[in-house]
Amino acid sequence: MTHETEQPTDTPTEPHTRRHLRTAPEHRHEMILRFTIWDQVTGTVGLPAAA
């Protein structure tokens, strides 16, 4: 017997939320875009990376 304020045991108390909003391929694509823009803004396009 359950009281009106209790939830049944098979009902989750909070909805499940995704931890990450993007998939891995979406994240990689976004990072490529961001770094491309960053390189253009900072003028480092075509320069070798420092070791």
PDB file of N, CA and C in Angstrom:
ATOM      1  N   MET A   1       0.846  -1.180   0.000  1.00  0.00           N
ATOM      2  CA  MET A   1       0.000   0.000   0.000  1.00  0.00           C
ATOM      3  C   MET A   1       0.888   1.238   0.000  1.00  0.00           C
ATOM      4  N   THR A   2       0.619   2.174  -0.913  1.00  0.00           N
ATOM      5  CA  THR A   2       1.407   3.395  -0.970  1.00  0.00           C
ATOM      6  C   THR A   2       0.557   4.584  -0.584  1.00  0.00           C
ATOM      7  N   HIS A   3       1.191   5.538   0.008  1.00  0.00           N
ATOM      8  CA  HIS A   3       0.503   6.781   0.335  1.00  0.00           C
ATOM      9  C   HIS A   3       0.478   7.659  -0.898  1.00  0.00           C
ATOM     10  N   GLU A   4      -0.366   8.659  -0.927  1.00  0.00           N
ATOM     11  CA  GLU A   4      -0.490   9.520  -2.091  1.00  0.00           C
ATOM     12  C   GLU A   4       0.795  10.274  -2.403  1.00  0.00           C
ATOM     13  N   THR A   5       1.618  10.548  -1.418  1.00  0.00           N
ATOM     14  CA  THR A   5       2.835  11.324  -1.640  1.00  0.00           C
ATOM     15  C   THR A   5       3.999  10.457  -2.113  1.00  0.00           C
ATOM     16  N   GLU A   6       3.870   9.149  -2.013  1.00  0.00           N
ATOM     17  CA  GLU A   6       4.946   8.261  -2.437  1.00  0.00           C
ATOM     18  C   GLU A   6       4.811   7.919  -3.905  1.00  0.00           C
ATOM     19  N   GLN A   7       5.968   7.743  -4.571  1.00  0.00           N
ATOM     20  CA  GLN A   7       5.950   7.306  -5.957  1.00  0.00           C
ATOM     21  C   GLN A   7       6.161   5.807  -6.001  1.00  0.00           C
ATOM     22  N   PRO A   8       5.610   5.150  -7.000  1.00  0.00           N
ATOM     23  CA  PRO A   8       5.879   3.722  -7.142  1.00  0.00           C
ATOM     24  C   PRO A   8       7.384   3.491  -7.329  1.00  0.00           C
ATOM     25  N   THR A   9       7.860   2.338  -6.908  1.00  0.00           N
ATOM     26  CA  THR A   9       9.305   2.083  -6.956  1.00  0.00           C
ATOM     27  C   THR A   9       9.845   1.936  -8.368  1.00  0.00           C
ATOM     28  N   ASP A  10       8.998   1.655  -9.358  1.00  0.00           N
ATOM     29  CA  ASP A  10       9.493   1.494 -10.721  1.00  0.00           C
ATOM     30  C   ASP A  10       9.495   2.800 -11.514  1.00  0.00           C
ATOM     31  N   THR A  11       9.139   3.911 -10.888  1.00  0.00           N
ATOM     32  CA  THR A  11       9.141   5.210 -11.551  1.00  0.00           C
ATOM     33  C   THR A  11      10.361   6.000 -11.100  1.00  0.00           C
ATOM     34  N   PRO A  12      11.195   6.439 -12.055  1.00  0.00           N
ATOM     35  CA  PRO A  12      12.364   7.231 -11.648  1.00  0.00           C
ATOM     36  C   PRO A  12      11.935   8.573 -11.072  1.00  0.00           C
ATOM     37  N   THR A  13      12.674   9.055 -10.103  1.00  0.00           N
ATOM     38  CA  THR A  13      12.333  10.326  -9.478  1.00  0.00           C
ATOM     39  C   THR A  13      12.777  11.499 -10.332  1.00  0.00           C
ATOM     40  N   GLU A  14      13.828  11.322 -11.133  1.00  0.00           N
ATOM     41  CA  GLU A  14      14.303  12.366 -12.025  1.00  0.00           C
ATOM     42  C   GLU A  14      14.475  11.777 -13.411  1.00  0.00           C
ATOM     43  N   PRO A  15      14.152  12.549 -14.451  1.00  0.00           N
ATOM     44  CA  PRO A  15      14.361  12.026 -15.801  1.00  0.00           C
ATOM     45  C   PRO A  15      15.851  11.893 -16.097  1.00  0.00           C
ATOM     46  N   HIS A  16      16.219  10.896 -16.887  1.00  0.00           N
ATOM     47  CA  HIS A  16      17.613  10.693 -17.254  1.00  0.00           C
ATOM     48  C   HIS A  16      18.019  11.761 -18.252  1.00  0.00           C
ATOM     49  N   THR A  17      19.137  12.410 -18.002  1.00  0.00           N
ATOM     50  CA  THR A  17      19.634  13.419 -18.925  1.00  0.00           C
ATOM     51  C   THR A  17      20.956  12.950 -19.513  1.00  0.00           C
ATOM     52  N   ARG A  18      21.203  13.348 -20.746  1.00  0.00           N
ATOM     53  CA  ARG A  18      22.462  12.996 -21.389  1.00  0.00           C
ATOM     54  C   ARG A  18      23.576  13.822 -20.780  1.00  0.00           C
ATOM     55  N   ARG A  19      24.689  13.185 -20.502  1.00  0.00           N
ATOM     56  CA  ARG A  19      25.826  13.903 -19.926  1.00  0.00           C
ATOM     57  C   ARG A  19      26.451  14.824 -20.964  1.00  0.00           C
ATOM     58  N   HIS A  20      26.610  14.316 -22.178  1.00  0.00           N
ATOM     59  CA  HIS A  20      27.197  15.095 -23.253  1.00  0.00           C
ATOM     60  C   HIS A  20      26.113  15.431 -24.263  1.00  0.00           C
ATOM     61  N   LEU A  21      26.091  16.676 -24.697  1.00  0.00           N
ATOM     62  CA  LEU A  21      25.052  17.101 -25.614  1.00  0.00           C
ATOM     63  C   LEU A  21      25.415  16.803 -27.067  1.00  0.00           C
ATOM     64  N   ARG A  22      26.701  16.569 -27.332  1.00  0.00           N
ATOM     65  CA  ARG A  22      27.147  16.274 -28.689  1.00  0.00           C
ATOM     66  C   ARG A  22      27.750  14.885 -28.755  1.00  0.00           C
ATOM     67  N   THR A  23      27.665  14.305 -29.945  1.00  0.00           N
ATOM     68  CA  THR A  23      28.361  13.043 -30.168  1.00  0.00           C
ATOM     69  C   THR A  23      29.831  13.347 -30.391  1.00  0.00           C
ATOM     70  N   ALA A  24      30.681  12.333 -30.353  1.00  0.00           N
ATOM     71  CA  ALA A  24      32.117  12.534 -30.565  1.00  0.00           C
ATOM     72  C   ALA A  24      32.407  13.152 -31.932  1.00  0.00           C
ATOM     73  N   PRO A  25      31.807  12.658 -33.035  1.00  0.00           N
ATOM     74  CA  PRO A  25      32.071  13.295 -34.329  1.00  0.00           C
ATOM     75  C   PRO A  25      31.624  14.760 -34.380  1.00  0.00           C
ATOM     76  N   GLU A  26      30.504  15.073 -33.732  1.00  0.00           N
ATOM     77  CA  GLU A  26      30.046  16.468 -33.687  1.00  0.00           C
ATOM     78  C   GLU A  26      31.039  17.333 -32.921  1.00  0.00           C
ATOM     79  N   HIS A  27      31.562  16.809 -31.823  1.00  0.00           N
ATOM     80  CA  HIS A  27      32.534  17.546 -31.014  1.00  0.00           C
ATOM     81  C   HIS A  27      33.813  17.796 -31.811  1.00  0.00           C
ATOM     82  N   ARG A  28      34.317  16.756 -32.494  1.00  0.00           N
ATOM     83  CA  ARG A  28      35.537  16.914 -33.290  1.00  0.00           C
ATOM     84  C   ARG A  28      35.342  17.961 -34.382  1.00  0.00           C
ATOM     85  N   HIS A  29      34.193  17.921 -35.044  1.00  0.00           N
ATOM     86  CA  HIS A  29      33.906  18.894 -36.095  1.00  0.00           C
ATOM     87  C   HIS A  29      33.903  20.314 -35.528  1.00  0.00           C
ATOM     88  N   GLU A  30      33.269  20.493 -34.387  1.00  0.00           N
ATOM     89  CA  GLU A  30      33.212  21.802 -33.740  1.00  0.00           C
ATOM     90  C   GLU A  30      34.608  22.295 -33.370  1.00  0.00           C
ATOM     91  N   MET A  31      35.455  21.406 -32.857  1.00  0.00           N
ATOM     92  CA  MET A  31      36.810  21.811 -32.481  1.00  0.00           C
ATOM     93  C   MET A  31      37.640  22.209 -33.712  1.00  0.00           C
ATOM     94  N   ILE A  32      37.465  21.481 -34.811  1.00  0.00           N
ATOM     95  CA  ILE A  32      38.172  21.841 -36.045  1.00  0.00           C
ATOM     96  C   ILE A  32      37.762  23.248 -36.481  1.00  0.00           C
ATOM     97  N   LEU A  33      36.460  23.527 -36.447  1.00  0.00           N
ATOM     98  CA  LEU A  33      35.995  24.865 -36.821  1.00  0.00           C
ATOM     99  C   LEU A  33      36.563  25.933 -35.896  1.00  0.00           C
ATOM    100  N   ARG A  34      36.524  25.685 -34.607  1.00  0.00           N
ATOM    101  CA  ARG A  34      37.006  26.688 -33.647  1.00  0.00           C
ATOM    102  C   ARG A  34      38.498  26.955 -33.811  1.00  0.00           C
ATOM    103  N   PHE A  35      39.299  25.899 -33.988  1.00  0.00           N
ATOM    104  CA  PHE A  35      40.732  26.094 -34.144  1.00  0.00           C
ATOM    105  C   PHE A  35      41.067  26.756 -35.477  1.00  0.00           C
ATOM    106  N   THR A  36      40.297  26.468 -36.513  1.00  0.00           N
ATOM    107  CA  THR A  36      40.506  27.127 -37.805  1.00  0.00           C
ATOM    108  C   THR A  36      40.260  28.624 -37.675  1.00  0.00           C
ATOM    109  N   ILE A  37      39.173  28.990 -37.023  1.00  0.00           N
ATOM    110  CA  ILE A  37      38.870  30.411 -36.806  1.00  0.00           C
ATOM    111  C   ILE A  37      39.946  31.050 -35.933  1.00  0.00           C
ATOM    112  N   TRP A  38      40.370  30.362 -34.870  1.00  0.00           N
ATOM    113  CA  TRP A  38      41.395  30.889 -33.973  1.00  0.00           C
ATOM    114  C   TRP A  38      42.700  31.141 -34.728  1.00  0.00           C
ATOM    115  N   ASP A  39      43.080  30.210 -35.582  1.00  0.00           N
ATOM    116  CA  ASP A  39      44.304  30.376 -36.373  1.00  0.00           C
ATOM    117  C   ASP A  39      44.202  31.595 -37.294  1.00  0.00           C
ATOM    118  N   GLN A  40      43.034  31.804 -37.881  1.00  0.00           N
ATOM    119  CA  GLN A  40      42.853  32.957 -38.762  1.00  0.00           C
ATOM    120  C   GLN A  40      42.888  34.262 -37.979  1.00  0.00           C
ATOM    121  N   VAL A  41      42.269  34.296 -36.829  1.00  0.00           N
ATOM    122  CA  VAL A  41      42.222  35.506 -36.011  1.00  0.00           C
ATOM    123  C   VAL A  41      43.612  35.864 -35.485  1.00  0.00           C
ATOM    124  N   THR A  42      44.373  34.864 -35.063  1.00  0.00           N
ATOM    125  CA  THR A  42      45.688  35.132 -34.470  1.00  0.00           C
ATOM    126  C   THR A  42      46.801  35.222 -35.514  1.00  0.00           C
ATOM    127  N   GLY A  43      46.473  34.929 -36.770  1.00  0.00           N
ATOM    128  CA  GLY A  43      47.471  35.038 -37.825  1.00  0.00           C
ATOM    129  C   GLY A  43      48.456  33.897 -37.846  1.00  0.00           C
ATOM    130  N   THR A  44      48.101  32.748 -37.342  1.00  0.00           N
ATOM    131  CA  THR A  44      49.024  31.618 -37.293  1.00  0.00           C
ATOM    132  C   THR A  44      48.765  30.605 -38.398  1.00  0.00           C
ATOM    133  N   VAL A  45      47.945  30.961 -39.367  1.00  0.00           N
ATOM    134  CA  VAL A  45      47.630  30.041 -40.461  1.00  0.00           C
ATOM    135  C   VAL A  45      48.894  29.780 -41.266  1.00  0.00           C
ATOM    136  N   GLY A  46      49.232  28.510 -41.451  1.00  0.00           N
ATOM    137  CA  GLY A  46      50.378  28.131 -42.262  1.00  0.00           C
ATOM    138  C   GLY A  46      51.712  28.158 -41.541  1.00  0.00           C
ATOM    139  N   LEU A  47      51.752  28.588 -40.299  1.00  0.00           N
ATOM    140  CA  LEU A  47      52.995  28.588 -39.536  1.00  0.00           C
ATOM    141  C   LEU A  47      53.201  27.215 -38.905  1.00  0.00           C
ATOM    142  N   PRO A  48      54.449  26.753 -38.827  1.00  0.00           N
ATOM    143  CA  PRO A  48      54.693  25.456 -38.193  1.00  0.00           C
ATOM    144  C   PRO A  48      54.422  25.545 -36.696  1.00  0.00           C
ATOM    145  N   ALA A  49      53.972  24.466 -36.134  1.00  0.00           N
ATOM    146  CA  ALA A  49      53.706  24.418 -34.702  1.00  0.00           C
ATOM    147  C   ALA A  49      55.031  24.377 -33.951  1.00  0.00           C
ATOM    148  N   ALA A  50      55.085  25.040 -32.814  1.00  0.00           N
ATOM    149  CA  ALA A  50      56.303  25.034 -31.986  1.00  0.00           C
ATOM    150  C   ALA A  50      56.417  23.689 -31.291  1.00  0.00           C
ATOM    151  N   ALA A  51      57.616  23.185 -31.242  1.00  0.00           N
ATOM    152  CA  ALA A  51      57.841  21.878 -30.614  1.00  0.00           C
ATOM    153  C   ALA A  51      58.077  22.034 -29.140  1.00  0.00           C
TER     154      ALA A  51
END
